[in-house]
């Protein structure tokens, strides 16, 4: 099996992104403070493609800082339906 991958540091701008805040418990505007994108493929009997953005984000309402991963993988099922994983884990409304 051959694995091909690369990593990019993505320049962050001051665009606002609608993301659910764990502190505010609602969707708020966030800045992406830092972002690193990793992507690759494997060449085996069945090709596997993946793309992963690891981001530090900050809520513009409460100023809390958290970490999220936005990922696409042809084989992965560990992320939510938008391909996102948060640390600390995303809090769901009940």
N, C-alpha and C. Protein backbone atom coordinates (compact mmCIF):
# COMPACT_ATOMS: atom_id res chain seq x y z
N UNK A 1 0.85 -1.17 0.00
CA UNK A 1 0.00 0.00 0.00
C UNK A 1 0.90 1.24 0.00
N UNK A 2 0.53 2.22 -0.80
CA UNK A 2 1.26 3.47 -0.89
C UNK A 2 0.38 4.58 -0.31
N UNK A 3 0.93 5.40 0.58
CA UNK A 3 0.19 6.51 1.19
C UNK A 3 0.80 7.82 0.71
N UNK A 4 -0.05 8.69 0.20
CA UNK A 4 0.38 10.01 -0.26
C UNK A 4 -0.33 11.04 0.60
N UNK A 5 0.42 11.99 1.23
CA UNK A 5 -0.22 13.00 2.06
C UNK A 5 0.56 14.29 2.03
N UNK A 6 -0.10 15.36 2.50
CA UNK A 6 0.53 16.68 2.57
C UNK A 6 -0.13 17.47 3.69
N UNK A 7 0.52 18.54 4.12
CA UNK A 7 0.02 19.40 5.18
C UNK A 7 0.15 20.85 4.75
N UNK A 8 -0.90 21.65 4.99
CA UNK A 8 -0.88 23.08 4.70
C UNK A 8 -1.25 23.86 5.94
N UNK A 9 -0.55 24.96 6.19
CA UNK A 9 -0.97 25.92 7.21
C UNK A 9 -1.81 26.94 6.47
N UNK A 10 -3.05 27.10 6.91
CA UNK A 10 -4.00 27.97 6.20
C UNK A 10 -3.98 29.35 6.85
N UNK A 11 -3.79 30.36 6.03
CA UNK A 11 -3.84 31.73 6.54
C UNK A 11 -5.26 32.04 7.00
N UNK A 12 -5.37 32.55 8.20
CA UNK A 12 -6.69 32.86 8.75
C UNK A 12 -7.00 34.33 8.52
N UNK A 13 -8.25 34.58 8.22
CA UNK A 13 -8.68 35.95 8.04
C UNK A 13 -9.70 36.29 9.12
N UNK A 14 -10.30 37.42 9.02
CA UNK A 14 -11.28 37.85 10.03
C UNK A 14 -12.71 37.63 9.57
N UNK A 15 -12.92 36.62 8.71
CA UNK A 15 -14.29 36.26 8.34
C UNK A 15 -14.98 35.64 9.54
N UNK A 16 -16.27 35.88 9.66
CA UNK A 16 -17.05 35.29 10.74
C UNK A 16 -17.67 33.99 10.24
N UNK A 17 -17.65 32.97 11.11
CA UNK A 17 -18.19 31.65 10.78
C UNK A 17 -19.26 31.29 11.81
N UNK A 18 -20.39 30.80 11.33
CA UNK A 18 -21.48 30.37 12.20
C UNK A 18 -21.18 28.98 12.74
N UNK A 19 -20.88 28.89 14.06
CA UNK A 19 -20.51 27.64 14.72
C UNK A 19 -21.22 27.59 16.06
N UNK A 20 -21.64 26.41 16.48
CA UNK A 20 -22.29 26.28 17.77
C UNK A 20 -21.27 26.42 18.89
N UNK A 21 -21.53 27.33 19.83
CA UNK A 21 -20.63 27.58 20.96
C UNK A 21 -21.05 26.72 22.15
N UNK A 22 -20.08 26.05 22.77
CA UNK A 22 -20.36 25.22 23.95
C UNK A 22 -20.67 26.05 25.18
N UNK A 23 -20.21 27.28 25.23
CA UNK A 23 -20.49 28.14 26.39
C UNK A 23 -21.84 28.85 26.23
N UNK A 24 -22.09 29.41 25.07
CA UNK A 24 -23.34 30.13 24.81
C UNK A 24 -24.51 29.17 24.57
N UNK A 25 -24.20 27.93 24.21
CA UNK A 25 -25.19 26.89 23.90
C UNK A 25 -26.10 27.28 22.73
N UNK A 26 -25.52 27.98 21.77
CA UNK A 26 -26.26 28.34 20.56
C UNK A 26 -25.25 28.63 19.45
N UNK A 27 -25.74 28.76 18.24
CA UNK A 27 -24.89 29.10 17.11
C UNK A 27 -24.56 30.59 17.19
N UNK A 28 -23.26 30.88 17.14
CA UNK A 28 -22.79 32.26 17.22
C UNK A 28 -21.71 32.48 16.18
N UNK A 29 -21.33 33.74 15.99
CA UNK A 29 -20.21 34.06 15.11
C UNK A 29 -18.92 33.68 15.80
N UNK A 30 -18.01 33.08 15.06
CA UNK A 30 -16.69 32.68 15.55
C UNK A 30 -15.61 33.16 14.57
N UNK A 31 -14.43 33.41 15.09
CA UNK A 31 -13.24 33.56 14.27
C UNK A 31 -12.48 32.25 14.29
N UNK A 32 -11.86 31.90 13.19
CA UNK A 32 -10.92 30.79 13.15
C UNK A 32 -9.54 31.41 13.37
N UNK A 33 -8.97 31.13 14.55
CA UNK A 33 -7.70 31.74 14.94
C UNK A 33 -6.50 31.08 14.27
N UNK A 34 -6.58 29.76 14.10
CA UNK A 34 -5.49 29.00 13.47
C UNK A 34 -6.10 27.77 12.80
N UNK A 35 -5.51 27.37 11.68
CA UNK A 35 -6.02 26.21 10.95
C UNK A 35 -4.89 25.50 10.23
N UNK A 36 -4.84 24.19 10.39
CA UNK A 36 -3.88 23.36 9.67
C UNK A 36 -4.68 22.29 8.94
N UNK A 37 -4.44 22.15 7.65
CA UNK A 37 -5.15 21.18 6.84
C UNK A 37 -4.19 20.05 6.46
N UNK A 38 -4.64 18.82 6.67
CA UNK A 38 -3.89 17.64 6.27
C UNK A 38 -4.78 16.84 5.33
N UNK A 39 -4.19 16.29 4.28
CA UNK A 39 -4.99 15.53 3.32
C UNK A 39 -4.14 14.47 2.67
N UNK A 40 -4.81 13.45 2.17
CA UNK A 40 -4.06 12.39 1.52
C UNK A 40 -4.93 11.31 0.93
N UNK A 41 -4.26 10.36 0.32
CA UNK A 41 -4.92 9.19 -0.27
C UNK A 41 -4.05 7.97 -0.05
N UNK A 42 -4.65 6.81 -0.14
CA UNK A 42 -3.91 5.56 -0.16
C UNK A 42 -4.16 4.89 -1.51
N UNK A 43 -3.21 4.14 -1.94
CA UNK A 43 -3.39 3.38 -3.17
C UNK A 43 -3.24 1.91 -2.83
N UNK A 44 -4.35 1.27 -2.67
CA UNK A 44 -4.39 -0.17 -2.36
C UNK A 44 -5.49 -0.77 -3.23
N UNK A 45 -6.04 -1.88 -2.81
CA UNK A 45 -7.15 -2.47 -3.56
C UNK A 45 -8.31 -1.49 -3.67
N UNK A 46 -8.57 -0.75 -2.57
CA UNK A 46 -9.60 0.28 -2.56
C UNK A 46 -8.98 1.58 -2.09
N UNK A 47 -9.07 2.63 -2.89
CA UNK A 47 -8.50 3.92 -2.51
C UNK A 47 -9.28 4.53 -1.35
N UNK A 48 -8.54 5.14 -0.42
CA UNK A 48 -9.13 5.85 0.71
C UNK A 48 -8.66 7.29 0.62
N UNK A 49 -9.60 8.23 0.67
CA UNK A 49 -9.29 9.65 0.62
C UNK A 49 -9.64 10.28 1.96
N UNK A 50 -8.80 11.21 2.43
CA UNK A 50 -9.11 11.93 3.66
C UNK A 50 -8.62 13.36 3.58
N UNK A 51 -9.33 14.23 4.30
CA UNK A 51 -8.99 15.64 4.42
C UNK A 51 -9.39 16.06 5.82
N UNK A 52 -8.48 16.70 6.54
CA UNK A 52 -8.72 17.04 7.94
C UNK A 52 -8.23 18.46 8.21
N UNK A 53 -9.12 19.32 8.72
CA UNK A 53 -8.74 20.67 9.14
C UNK A 53 -8.83 20.74 10.66
N UNK A 54 -7.70 21.02 11.30
CA UNK A 54 -7.65 21.20 12.76
C UNK A 54 -7.61 22.69 13.03
N UNK A 55 -8.62 23.18 13.76
CA UNK A 55 -8.78 24.62 13.91
C UNK A 55 -8.95 25.04 15.37
N UNK A 56 -8.34 26.17 15.70
CA UNK A 56 -8.60 26.84 16.98
C UNK A 56 -9.61 27.94 16.66
N UNK A 57 -10.75 27.93 17.38
CA UNK A 57 -11.82 28.87 17.09
C UNK A 57 -12.16 29.68 18.34
N UNK A 58 -12.69 30.90 18.13
CA UNK A 58 -13.07 31.76 19.26
C UNK A 58 -14.46 32.34 19.01
N UNK A 59 -15.33 32.20 20.01
CA UNK A 59 -16.67 32.75 19.96
C UNK A 59 -16.59 34.28 20.10
N UNK A 60 -17.36 34.97 19.29
CA UNK A 60 -17.36 36.44 19.34
C UNK A 60 -18.35 36.99 20.37
N UNK A 61 -19.19 36.13 20.96
CA UNK A 61 -20.10 36.58 22.01
C UNK A 61 -19.48 36.44 23.40
N UNK A 62 -18.92 35.26 23.70
CA UNK A 62 -18.40 35.02 25.06
C UNK A 62 -16.87 34.96 25.10
N UNK A 63 -16.22 35.00 23.96
CA UNK A 63 -14.75 34.97 23.82
C UNK A 63 -14.11 33.64 24.18
N UNK A 64 -14.89 32.57 24.39
CA UNK A 64 -14.30 31.27 24.70
C UNK A 64 -13.55 30.74 23.48
N UNK A 65 -12.46 30.04 23.76
CA UNK A 65 -11.63 29.45 22.71
C UNK A 65 -11.76 27.94 22.79
N UNK A 66 -11.94 27.29 21.65
CA UNK A 66 -12.02 25.83 21.62
C UNK A 66 -11.34 25.32 20.36
N UNK A 67 -11.30 24.01 20.23
CA UNK A 67 -10.62 23.34 19.13
C UNK A 67 -11.64 22.50 18.39
N UNK A 68 -11.61 22.54 17.07
CA UNK A 68 -12.49 21.66 16.30
C UNK A 68 -11.71 21.03 15.17
N UNK A 69 -12.17 19.86 14.78
CA UNK A 69 -11.64 19.16 13.62
C UNK A 69 -12.78 19.01 12.63
N UNK A 70 -12.55 19.43 11.41
CA UNK A 70 -13.50 19.23 10.32
C UNK A 70 -12.85 18.22 9.39
N UNK A 71 -13.50 17.07 9.21
CA UNK A 71 -12.85 15.97 8.51
C UNK A 71 -13.77 15.30 7.50
N UNK A 72 -13.16 14.90 6.42
CA UNK A 72 -13.84 14.07 5.42
C UNK A 72 -12.95 12.85 5.20
N UNK A 73 -13.54 11.68 5.30
CA UNK A 73 -12.79 10.45 5.04
C UNK A 73 -13.75 9.43 4.44
N UNK A 74 -13.28 8.76 3.44
CA UNK A 74 -14.14 7.78 2.80
C UNK A 74 -14.43 6.58 3.70
N UNK A 75 -13.69 6.42 4.81
CA UNK A 75 -13.86 5.27 5.69
C UNK A 75 -14.26 5.62 7.12
N UNK A 76 -14.25 6.91 7.50
CA UNK A 76 -14.42 7.30 8.91
C UNK A 76 -15.87 7.61 9.24
N UNK A 77 -16.29 7.20 10.45
CA UNK A 77 -17.66 7.43 10.90
C UNK A 77 -17.69 8.12 12.28
N UNK A 78 -16.54 8.59 12.79
CA UNK A 78 -16.46 9.10 14.16
C UNK A 78 -16.92 10.54 14.31
N UNK A 79 -17.19 11.24 13.23
CA UNK A 79 -17.53 12.65 13.29
C UNK A 79 -19.03 12.83 13.13
N UNK A 80 -19.54 14.04 13.42
CA UNK A 80 -20.97 14.28 13.26
C UNK A 80 -21.32 14.38 11.77
N UNK A 81 -22.60 14.65 11.47
CA UNK A 81 -23.05 14.63 10.08
C UNK A 81 -22.44 15.72 9.22
N UNK A 82 -21.81 16.73 9.82
CA UNK A 82 -21.12 17.78 9.06
C UNK A 82 -19.63 17.51 8.96
N UNK A 83 -19.16 16.37 9.49
CA UNK A 83 -17.74 16.05 9.46
C UNK A 83 -16.95 16.80 10.51
N UNK A 84 -17.62 17.22 11.61
CA UNK A 84 -16.97 18.02 12.63
C UNK A 84 -16.81 17.25 13.93
N UNK A 85 -15.71 17.52 14.63
CA UNK A 85 -15.46 17.00 15.97
C UNK A 85 -14.91 18.16 16.78
N UNK A 86 -15.40 18.31 18.01
CA UNK A 86 -15.02 19.44 18.85
C UNK A 86 -14.32 18.99 20.12
N UNK A 87 -13.39 19.81 20.59
CA UNK A 87 -12.80 19.61 21.90
C UNK A 87 -12.79 20.95 22.60
N UNK A 88 -13.40 21.11 23.78
CA UNK A 88 -14.16 20.05 24.43
C UNK A 88 -15.34 19.62 23.58
N UNK A 89 -15.86 18.43 23.86
CA UNK A 89 -16.94 17.88 23.04
C UNK A 89 -18.11 18.83 22.97
N UNK A 90 -18.76 18.83 21.81
CA UNK A 90 -19.90 19.70 21.57
C UNK A 90 -21.05 19.31 22.49
N UNK A 91 -21.65 20.30 23.10
CA UNK A 91 -22.78 20.09 24.00
C UNK A 91 -24.06 20.19 23.20
N UNK A 92 -24.91 19.21 23.33
CA UNK A 92 -26.19 19.19 22.63
C UNK A 92 -27.27 19.80 23.49
N UNK A 93 -28.21 20.53 22.88
CA UNK A 93 -29.37 21.06 23.62
C UNK A 93 -30.36 19.92 23.89
N UNK A 94 -30.96 19.95 25.06
CA UNK A 94 -31.95 18.92 25.41
C UNK A 94 -33.32 19.51 25.47
